[in-house]
């Protein structure tokens, strides 16, 4: 279950051991052994590429290019995708 905390121009969510943060300028993901930071303005969409019932890749896409991807469980990837898309455009 995702825990969300939303502040003015700042949002963070814990999904499956991955911490996602959206600030006024960036989308960040932090997990054990991996992380990424992407300028918020570069993000066009977030997609989930399933490779079975258990494993998926969460991909952040901008200008037709994969800007970042992270391997995680399918349920967690779908929750993270929904959360990011819901919060990335909110001001």
Protein backbone atom coordinates (compact mmCIF):
# COMPACT_ATOMS: atom_id res chain seq x y z
CA UNK A 1 0.00 0.00 0.00
CA UNK A 2 1.39 3.40 -0.97
CA UNK A 3 1.75 6.07 1.68
CA UNK A 4 1.42 9.59 0.34
CA UNK A 5 2.38 12.91 1.82
CA UNK A 6 1.53 15.97 -0.23
CA UNK A 7 2.83 19.44 0.57
CA UNK A 8 2.68 22.63 -1.48
CA UNK A 9 4.78 21.98 -4.63
CA UNK A 10 6.27 18.81 -3.10
CA UNK A 11 4.98 15.25 -3.08
CA UNK A 12 6.51 11.98 -1.95
CA UNK A 13 5.34 8.37 -2.02
CA UNK A 14 6.75 5.05 -0.82
CA UNK A 15 5.85 2.22 -3.21
CA UNK A 16 7.36 -1.24 -2.83
CA UNK A 17 10.59 -0.01 -1.22
CA UNK A 18 11.07 2.75 -3.80
CA UNK A 19 10.74 6.38 -2.73
CA UNK A 20 9.34 8.68 -5.40
CA UNK A 21 9.53 12.45 -4.99
CA UNK A 22 8.14 15.22 -7.13
CA UNK A 23 9.48 18.69 -6.41
CA UNK A 24 8.82 21.91 -8.27
CA UNK A 25 11.72 21.06 -10.61
CA UNK A 26 12.41 17.30 -10.56
CA UNK A 27 11.05 13.76 -10.44
CA UNK A 28 13.28 11.60 -8.23
CA UNK A 29 13.36 7.90 -7.38
CA UNK A 30 15.50 6.47 -4.60
CA UNK A 31 15.89 2.76 -3.78
CA UNK A 32 18.63 0.51 -2.48
CA UNK A 33 21.38 0.49 -5.10
CA UNK A 34 19.62 2.68 -7.67
CA UNK A 35 18.24 6.17 -8.13
CA UNK A 36 17.40 8.74 -10.77
CA UNK A 37 16.59 12.43 -11.01
CA UNK A 38 14.83 13.82 -14.07
CA UNK A 39 13.79 17.41 -14.77
CA UNK A 40 10.02 17.55 -14.32
CA UNK A 41 9.59 19.48 -17.58
CA UNK A 42 11.21 16.60 -19.54
CA UNK A 43 8.63 13.98 -18.45
CA UNK A 44 5.94 13.29 -21.06
CA UNK A 45 4.49 10.09 -19.63
CA UNK A 46 5.17 7.05 -17.46
CA UNK A 47 4.53 3.53 -18.75
CA UNK A 48 4.67 0.02 -17.31
CA UNK A 49 6.22 -2.72 -19.44
CA UNK A 50 5.09 -6.07 -18.05
CA UNK A 51 7.21 -9.17 -18.41
CA UNK A 52 4.86 -11.59 -16.70
CA UNK A 53 2.66 -11.59 -13.62
CA UNK A 54 5.41 -10.63 -11.21
CA UNK A 55 8.09 -8.46 -12.81
CA UNK A 56 7.70 -5.20 -14.72
CA UNK A 57 9.69 -2.17 -15.73
CA UNK A 58 8.47 1.30 -14.84
CA UNK A 59 9.67 3.64 -17.59
CA UNK A 60 9.74 7.41 -17.56
CA UNK A 61 9.43 8.70 -21.14
CA UNK A 62 10.19 12.13 -22.57
CA UNK A 63 10.29 13.17 -26.25
CA UNK A 64 9.89 9.54 -27.32
CA UNK A 65 12.98 8.45 -25.36
CA UNK A 66 13.20 6.36 -22.19
CA UNK A 67 14.71 8.75 -19.64
CA UNK A 68 14.77 6.24 -16.77
CA UNK A 69 13.57 2.76 -15.98
CA UNK A 70 13.37 0.69 -12.83
CA UNK A 71 12.53 -2.98 -12.36
CA UNK A 72 9.85 -3.67 -9.76
CA UNK A 73 6.80 -5.81 -9.11
CA UNK A 74 3.84 -5.34 -11.45
CA UNK A 75 1.44 -4.13 -8.73
CA UNK A 76 3.99 -1.67 -7.38
CA UNK A 77 4.83 -0.42 -10.89
CA UNK A 78 1.15 0.21 -11.63
CA UNK A 79 0.71 2.07 -8.32
CA UNK A 80 3.84 4.15 -8.92
CA UNK A 81 2.71 4.98 -12.47
CA UNK A 82 -0.72 6.14 -11.26
CA UNK A 83 0.81 8.22 -8.46
CA UNK A 84 3.39 9.90 -10.69
CA UNK A 85 0.87 10.72 -13.42
CA UNK A 86 -1.56 12.11 -10.84
CA UNK A 87 1.03 14.32 -9.16
CA UNK A 88 3.43 15.34 -11.93
CA UNK A 89 1.10 17.98 -13.38
CA UNK A 90 -0.41 19.26 -10.13
CA UNK A 91 0.91 22.60 -8.92
